[in-house]
Structures are given as structure tokens and as C-alpha cells.
Amino acid sequence: MIFSVAANLWNKLWFAPESPRNLVIARAIVALQALWILLSRPFLPDVVGWPEPFWKLVPTQMIARFGIRAFPVGVEWILFIALHLFLALAALGMLSRLSCIAAALLLYHFGPFEQGIMWTSFTSLGGLTLPLLALAILGFAETPRWTSERSWEWCWPLVMIQMLFSLQYALPGLVKLHVSGLRWFGPENIANETARMTALWDPKWAGLILANRWIAVAVGIFALAIELLFPLAVISRRARWVVIPLAFVGHFLRVRMWGLYFLGAPLLLLFVDWNAVLERLAASTAFIRKRDWLAAS
């Protein structure tokens, strides 16, 4: 009985009939998000020309693993421009399988460059890592057409991408609990983190946390709930109606209270049922046209 229920839930999650439109739009979202990040780092290939003392701090295995400094700056610029082109093609659905795989390979190469200038970890799921993995999945999955029938073929790639994205919330929460326990989300630590951020820059709402203990308590509970409950948005469509809007609110508050921006915020759009949105728009448009036709006649 238990195994039967588990098997049904598994099949419903990964192999339920899915609209191809959701997967097509998901491909556009991840490609455009990667393109957005790259356009904000217009001189990324020049990293290979940084002075030698900098490269002494970079592990040799990392340089070999990602092909860093394998090419001269001129070649890096050619690859960088090609990356932009492949991402644009992937977003438009042109040569989708080739463009997705090529873009993923080039993102693998350029991802550590961003780590060098942003001091982020490319081995985490932040920055360019999620678009890389998503495009690799889409490159090896079946390529949907806008007019294709609903199929399980369009379900599992989308769920896998959503699952990986949810780890950007769940894993940091689990790490915090493992290292510091619930104390990390306590009002004292929230206030300390806020004071630290205030010392770096001046978030507009930081004073609210520092001045009111109960606001710090609320922030801690809110952060813990979002980080640990976010995977429910992958499993349950009903949960998305709560979790996704709260995540948007959380990122807005994070900017206001701590001055920290989350580059992956646009990827929350991966959880929107775009097929349902388009069908509602089509129905509304048809209704308006019919109403206008009746009024004119």
C-alpha cells in the first residue's frame, strides 16, 4: 500500500502530462537570466589578464578543471561573444538543443570568472550555476514545440530544474541549522547580521530590525520558513500560491533590510503555469472581441 502510494506520487511528480509551453518558456527564462548576468559583467574575459599574484591564490586543480587561462584574451572574447549568441538562440528556441548544450559548456568555462570578481562560489547553485545545469538538462531532453501535445516528456526536465532551484533555498537553511542551529534565526543573530550589513552599506529598513526585537524575531521565522518550505513549491501546485509570492516578498525585504540582491530571483517565474496564463489571456481576448462584435451589430 505504502509503496503503491509512493509510486503514484513519484509518477505524478515526474511524469504527469505537461504543456510544452511551460518548458519552452522555462528555457527562455533560464537563458535570459544567464544573459542578464553576463551583460552586467561586460569585461569578464579580461579576468584572464589579471596579474600573476592573483592567480597564485587560485588552486591549480580549479584552473585545470574549468580551462581557466587555457586561451589568450582574444580567444576568450570570441568565446564570450559566442556565449551571448547561443543564449539568445536558446531563449528564442532556435537550434534549441545545440544552443542549450553549447551555452552550458561555455557557462561552465566562464562561471569561475564571475566567482573571481564577485567572490561567490561557482560550486554552489548561485550565479551562473543554475542556468548552466538547466540548459544542460534542456539540451539533452526532448525539444518541445509550441503546438506539441501535453506529454510527460515536458514534465521531468521542468521538475528537475525547479528541484535544483529549490536547493538554493533549502541547502543554505539546512547548513545554518547544522552549523548554528536555530540560534542563527534568533533575534540576536538577525540583529547582529543587520548591524554588519549596515556597516558595509546603509539599507533603508535596517533600523527597524535594530530598534525592535519583535521585528527581528519575525524576520528570523520568515527566513527559516521560506528556506525550509520552498521545496514544497516543487511538489505541490497549491503550495506555490503561498511559497512563491512569499519568496518574492522575502527578496524585497532582504534588499531593504540588508541591502542584498538575489540574482536568481527571476527564476521564481519557473513556477508559474504559463500555459494557464496564456489560456486565460486567450479566453479574455476572445470574450472582449465577441462583446465588441455584439455591440457593433
Protein backbone atom coordinates (compact mmCIF):
# COMPACT_ATOMS: atom_id res chain seq x y z
CA MET A 1 0.00 0.00 0.00
CA ILE A 2 2.71 2.46 1.02
CA PHE A 3 4.85 1.57 -2.00
CA SER A 4 1.88 1.97 -4.30
CA VAL A 5 1.10 5.43 -2.93
CA ALA A 6 4.77 6.42 -3.16
CA ALA A 7 4.98 5.18 -6.75
CA ASN A 8 1.86 7.14 -7.71
CA LEU A 9 3.23 10.30 -6.13
CA TRP A 10 6.57 9.78 -7.88
CA ASN A 11 4.93 9.30 -11.26
CA LYS A 12 2.64 12.27 -10.71
CA LEU A 13 5.59 14.49 -9.86
CA TRP A 14 7.96 13.50 -12.67
CA PHE A 15 5.81 12.05 -15.44
CA ALA A 16 2.46 13.83 -15.38
CA PRO A 17 1.26 15.27 -18.72
CA GLU A 18 2.73 18.77 -19.01
CA SER A 19 2.19 21.56 -21.50
CA PRO A 20 5.13 22.14 -23.85
CA ARG A 21 4.62 25.88 -23.45
CA ASN A 22 5.80 25.75 -19.84
CA LEU A 23 9.05 24.07 -20.87
CA VAL A 24 9.58 26.45 -23.82
CA ILE A 25 9.11 29.46 -21.54
CA ALA A 26 11.33 27.88 -18.86
CA ARG A 27 14.11 27.59 -21.44
CA ALA A 28 13.69 31.27 -22.30
CA ILE A 29 13.71 32.26 -18.62
CA VAL A 30 16.96 30.48 -17.73
CA ALA A 31 18.69 31.66 -20.92
CA LEU A 32 17.64 35.27 -20.38
CA GLN A 33 18.66 35.15 -16.72
CA ALA A 34 22.14 33.97 -17.66
CA LEU A 35 22.29 36.61 -20.38
CA TRP A 36 21.26 39.26 -17.86
CA ILE A 37 24.08 38.27 -15.50
CA LEU A 38 26.66 38.24 -18.30
CA LEU A 39 25.58 41.62 -19.64
CA SER A 40 26.20 43.07 -16.18
CA ARG A 41 29.81 41.78 -16.38
CA PRO A 42 30.76 43.11 -19.83
CA PHE A 43 34.52 42.70 -19.36
CA LEU A 44 34.51 39.17 -17.92
CA PRO A 45 37.08 37.75 -20.40
CA ASP A 46 39.63 40.30 -19.23
CA VAL A 47 39.89 38.35 -15.95
CA VAL A 48 42.47 36.07 -17.58
CA GLY A 49 44.76 39.08 -17.93
CA TRP A 50 44.83 39.81 -14.20
CA PRO A 51 48.33 39.98 -12.59
CA GLU A 52 50.17 36.78 -11.67
CA PRO A 53 49.94 37.33 -7.87
CA PHE A 54 46.17 36.90 -8.12
CA TRP A 55 46.46 33.52 -9.82
CA LYS A 56 48.75 32.23 -7.11
CA LEU A 57 45.71 32.31 -4.83
CA VAL A 58 43.65 30.13 -7.21
CA PRO A 59 44.06 26.35 -6.79
CA THR A 60 45.79 24.67 -9.72
CA GLN A 61 43.10 21.99 -9.96
CA MET A 62 40.44 24.68 -10.35
CA ILE A 63 42.39 26.32 -13.19
CA ALA A 64 42.67 22.95 -14.95
CA ARG A 65 39.10 21.90 -14.18
CA PHE A 66 37.45 24.90 -15.81
CA GLY A 67 40.02 25.65 -18.50
CA ILE A 68 40.92 28.98 -16.93
CA ARG A 69 43.76 30.73 -18.78
CA ALA A 70 43.68 27.99 -21.40
CA PHE A 71 43.23 30.62 -24.12
CA PRO A 72 44.57 34.12 -24.72
CA VAL A 73 42.33 37.09 -24.03
CA GLY A 74 41.41 37.46 -27.71
CA VAL A 75 40.08 33.90 -27.90
CA GLU A 76 38.23 34.36 -24.61
CA TRP A 77 36.43 37.34 -26.13
CA ILE A 78 35.38 35.24 -29.13
CA LEU A 79 34.01 32.55 -26.82
CA PHE A 80 32.29 35.18 -24.68
CA ILE A 81 30.52 36.67 -27.69
CA ALA A 82 29.58 33.16 -28.84
CA LEU A 83 28.08 32.51 -25.40
CA HIS A 84 25.82 35.54 -25.74
CA LEU A 85 24.76 34.34 -29.18
CA PHE A 86 23.95 30.81 -28.02
CA LEU A 87 21.96 32.12 -25.06
CA ALA A 88 19.95 34.37 -27.36
CA LEU A 89 19.27 31.44 -29.69
CA ALA A 90 18.21 29.27 -26.75
CA ALA A 91 15.85 31.98 -25.50
CA LEU A 92 14.29 32.25 -28.96
CA GLY A 93 14.06 28.47 -29.38
CA MET A 94 16.31 28.44 -32.44
CA LEU A 95 18.63 25.43 -32.80
CA SER A 96 17.49 24.81 -29.24
CA ARG A 97 19.35 21.58 -28.47
CA LEU A 98 22.65 22.78 -29.96
CA SER A 99 22.36 26.25 -28.43
CA CYS A 100 21.49 24.89 -24.97
CA ILE A 101 24.42 22.43 -24.88
CA ALA A 102 26.89 24.97 -26.31
CA ALA A 103 25.74 27.66 -23.88
CA ALA A 104 26.02 25.22 -20.94
CA LEU A 105 29.61 24.30 -21.89
CA LEU A 106 30.62 27.95 -22.22
CA LEU A 107 28.90 28.84 -18.94
CA TYR A 108 30.94 26.07 -17.32
CA HIS A 109 34.06 27.80 -18.59
CA PHE A 110 33.09 31.38 -17.70
CA GLY A 111 31.31 30.66 -14.41
CA PRO A 112 34.51 30.75 -12.30
CA PHE A 113 35.42 34.09 -13.91
CA GLU A 114 32.35 35.56 -12.24
CA GLN A 115 33.35 33.89 -8.99
CA GLY A 116 36.66 35.70 -9.17
CA ILE A 117 35.13 39.15 -9.42
CA MET A 118 32.04 38.57 -7.23
CA TRP A 119 33.61 36.36 -4.52
CA THR A 120 30.83 33.82 -4.86
CA SER A 121 31.12 30.05 -5.06
CA PHE A 122 30.62 28.61 -8.52
CA THR A 123 30.30 25.16 -6.99
CA SER A 124 27.11 26.31 -5.21
CA LEU A 125 23.82 26.74 -7.06
CA GLY A 126 24.06 30.52 -7.23
CA GLY A 127 25.14 32.83 -10.02
CA LEU A 128 25.53 31.05 -13.36
CA THR A 129 25.41 27.51 -11.98
CA LEU A 130 21.64 27.01 -12.14
CA PRO A 131 21.34 28.32 -15.73
CA LEU A 132 24.24 26.03 -16.70
CA LEU A 133 22.57 22.94 -15.23
CA ALA A 134 19.16 23.92 -16.58
CA LEU A 135 20.46 24.43 -20.11
CA ALA A 136 22.34 21.13 -19.96
CA ILE A 137 19.13 19.34 -18.95
CA LEU A 138 17.18 21.07 -21.71
CA GLY A 139 19.90 20.25 -24.22
CA PHE A 140 19.58 16.51 -23.61
CA ALA A 141 15.80 16.45 -23.15
CA GLU A 142 13.32 16.24 -26.00
CA THR A 143 12.80 19.60 -27.68
CA PRO A 144 9.19 20.78 -27.34
CA ARG A 145 7.29 22.67 -29.99
CA TRP A 146 4.85 25.39 -29.03
CA THR A 147 1.99 23.41 -30.56
CA SER A 148 3.01 19.98 -29.24
CA GLU A 149 0.54 17.90 -27.23
CA ARG A 150 0.76 17.64 -23.46
CA SER A 151 3.23 14.89 -22.55
CA TRP A 152 5.35 13.51 -19.74
CA GLU A 153 8.36 14.38 -21.91
CA TRP A 154 7.87 18.04 -20.98
CA CYS A 155 7.34 17.31 -17.29
CA TRP A 156 10.54 15.78 -15.92
CA PRO A 157 13.00 18.42 -17.30
CA LEU A 158 10.92 21.23 -15.81
CA VAL A 159 10.58 19.47 -12.45
CA MET A 160 14.32 18.75 -12.35
CA ILE A 161 15.14 22.42 -12.98
CA GLN A 162 12.64 23.52 -10.33
CA MET A 163 14.11 20.99 -7.89
CA LEU A 164 17.64 22.28 -8.42
CA PHE A 165 16.45 25.85 -7.98
CA SER A 166 14.67 24.98 -4.74
CA LEU A 167 18.01 23.82 -3.33
CA GLN A 168 19.21 27.43 -3.45
CA TYR A 169 16.80 27.98 -0.56
CA ALA A 170 16.78 24.63 1.23
CA LEU A 171 20.53 23.94 1.38
CA PRO A 172 21.52 27.29 2.98
CA GLY A 173 18.78 26.79 5.56
CA LEU A 174 19.99 23.28 6.38
CA VAL A 175 23.61 24.45 6.59
CA LYS A 176 22.63 27.22 9.01
CA LEU A 177 20.77 24.72 11.18
CA HIS A 178 23.69 22.29 11.06
CA VAL A 179 26.33 24.88 11.97
CA SER A 180 24.46 27.20 14.33
CA GLY A 181 21.11 25.58 15.00
CA LEU A 182 18.03 27.71 15.49
CA ARG A 183 20.25 30.41 17.00
CA TRP A 184 21.11 31.62 13.51
CA PHE A 185 17.45 32.58 13.03
CA GLY A 186 17.17 34.05 16.53
CA PRO A 187 16.65 37.79 17.08
CA GLU A 188 20.17 38.34 18.43
CA ASN A 189 21.88 36.90 15.36
CA ILE A 190 19.44 38.61 12.97
CA ALA A 191 20.25 41.92 14.67
CA ASN A 192 24.00 41.19 14.51
CA GLU A 193 23.81 40.35 10.81
CA THR A 194 21.82 43.52 10.21
CA ALA A 195 24.40 45.61 12.06
CA ARG A 196 27.14 44.01 9.97
CA MET A 197 25.32 44.86 6.74
CA THR A 198 24.71 48.40 7.97
CA ALA A 199 28.45 48.79 8.45
CA LEU A 200 29.01 47.88 4.79
CA TRP A 201 26.20 49.98 3.31
CA ASP A 202 23.05 51.65 4.54
CA PRO A 203 19.94 49.51 3.94
CA LYS A 204 16.83 51.66 4.24
CA TRP A 205 14.94 49.45 6.68
CA ALA A 206 17.85 48.12 8.73
CA GLY A 207 16.96 50.41 11.62
CA LEU A 208 13.63 48.62 12.08
CA ILE A 209 15.36 45.37 12.97
CA LEU A 210 17.92 47.05 15.22
CA ALA A 211 15.26 49.05 17.06
CA ASN A 212 12.61 46.38 17.55
CA ARG A 213 13.33 42.87 18.81
CA TRP A 214 9.97 41.50 17.62
CA ILE A 215 10.67 42.54 14.06
CA ALA A 216 13.95 40.61 14.30
CA VAL A 217 12.01 37.60 15.61
CA ALA A 218 9.56 37.85 12.70
CA VAL A 219 12.39 38.15 10.17
CA GLY A 220 14.09 35.04 11.56
CA ILE A 221 10.89 32.96 11.49
CA PHE A 222 10.07 34.18 7.99
CA ALA A 223 13.56 33.35 6.68
CA LEU A 224 13.53 29.88 8.25
CA ALA A 225 10.08 29.09 6.84
CA ILE A 226 10.96 30.19 3.29
CA GLU A 227 14.26 28.32 3.18
CA LEU A 228 12.95 25.03 4.53
CA LEU A 229 9.50 25.02 2.95
CA PHE A 230 10.47 26.18 -0.53
CA PRO A 231 10.82 22.59 -1.91
CA LEU A 232 7.08 22.22 -1.35
CA ALA A 233 6.62 24.51 -4.34
CA VAL A 234 8.10 21.75 -6.50
CA ILE A 235 5.86 19.03 -5.10
CA SER A 236 2.57 20.89 -4.69
CA ARG A 237 0.99 23.36 -7.09
CA ARG A 238 -1.18 24.62 -4.23
CA ALA A 239 1.90 25.35 -2.15
CA ARG A 240 3.22 27.55 -4.96
CA TRP A 241 0.40 30.00 -4.41
CA VAL A 242 1.86 30.65 -0.95
CA VAL A 243 5.59 29.92 -1.22
CA ILE A 244 6.43 31.79 -4.45
CA PRO A 245 4.75 35.12 -3.53
CA LEU A 246 6.35 34.91 -0.07
CA ALA A 247 9.75 34.33 -1.70
CA PHE A 248 9.29 37.47 -3.81
CA VAL A 249 8.36 39.39 -0.64
CA GLY A 250 11.38 37.91 1.14
CA HIS A 251 13.78 39.10 -1.56
CA PHE A 252 12.25 42.57 -1.47
CA LEU A 253 12.67 42.72 2.31
CA ARG A 254 16.23 41.37 2.01
CA VAL A 255 17.14 44.28 -0.22
CA ARG A 256 15.50 46.82 2.06
CA MET A 257 16.78 45.43 5.34
CA TRP A 258 20.17 44.02 4.39
CA GLY A 259 20.93 45.56 1.00
CA LEU A 260 21.49 42.11 -0.54
CA TYR A 261 20.20 41.22 -4.00
CA PHE A 262 19.42 37.68 -5.14
CA LEU A 263 20.42 37.19 -8.79
CA GLY A 264 18.24 34.11 -9.04
CA ALA A 265 15.01 35.95 -8.21
CA PRO A 266 13.82 35.99 -11.86
CA LEU A 267 13.94 32.19 -11.81
CA LEU A 268 10.95 32.18 -9.48
CA LEU A 269 8.99 32.62 -12.71
CA LEU A 270 9.80 28.97 -13.45
CA PHE A 271 6.96 28.04 -11.09
CA VAL A 272 4.29 29.97 -12.97
CA ASP A 273 1.86 27.86 -15.01
CA TRP A 274 2.36 29.87 -18.18
CA ASN A 275 0.04 27.64 -20.19
CA ALA A 276 -2.84 28.52 -17.86
CA VAL A 277 -1.93 32.21 -18.04
CA LEU A 278 -1.89 32.13 -21.85
CA GLU A 279 -5.19 30.25 -21.99
CA ARG A 280 -6.81 32.83 -19.72
CA LEU A 281 -5.46 35.66 -21.83
CA ALA A 282 -6.77 33.97 -24.97
CA ALA A 283 -10.19 33.44 -23.37
CA SER A 284 -10.31 37.07 -22.21
CA THR A 285 -9.33 38.31 -25.65
CA ALA A 286 -11.97 36.14 -27.30
CA PHE A 287 -14.60 37.39 -24.85
CA ILE A 288 -13.70 41.03 -25.50
CA ARG A 289 -13.82 40.53 -29.26
CA LYS A 290 -17.19 38.78 -29.04
CA ARG A 291 -18.55 41.54 -26.82
CA ASP A 292 -17.34 44.23 -29.20
CA TRP A 293 -18.81 42.34 -32.17
CA LEU A 294 -22.20 42.06 -30.45
CA ALA A 295 -22.11 45.74 -29.51
CA ALA A 296 -21.27 46.73 -33.07
CA SER A 297 -24.02 44.57 -34.54
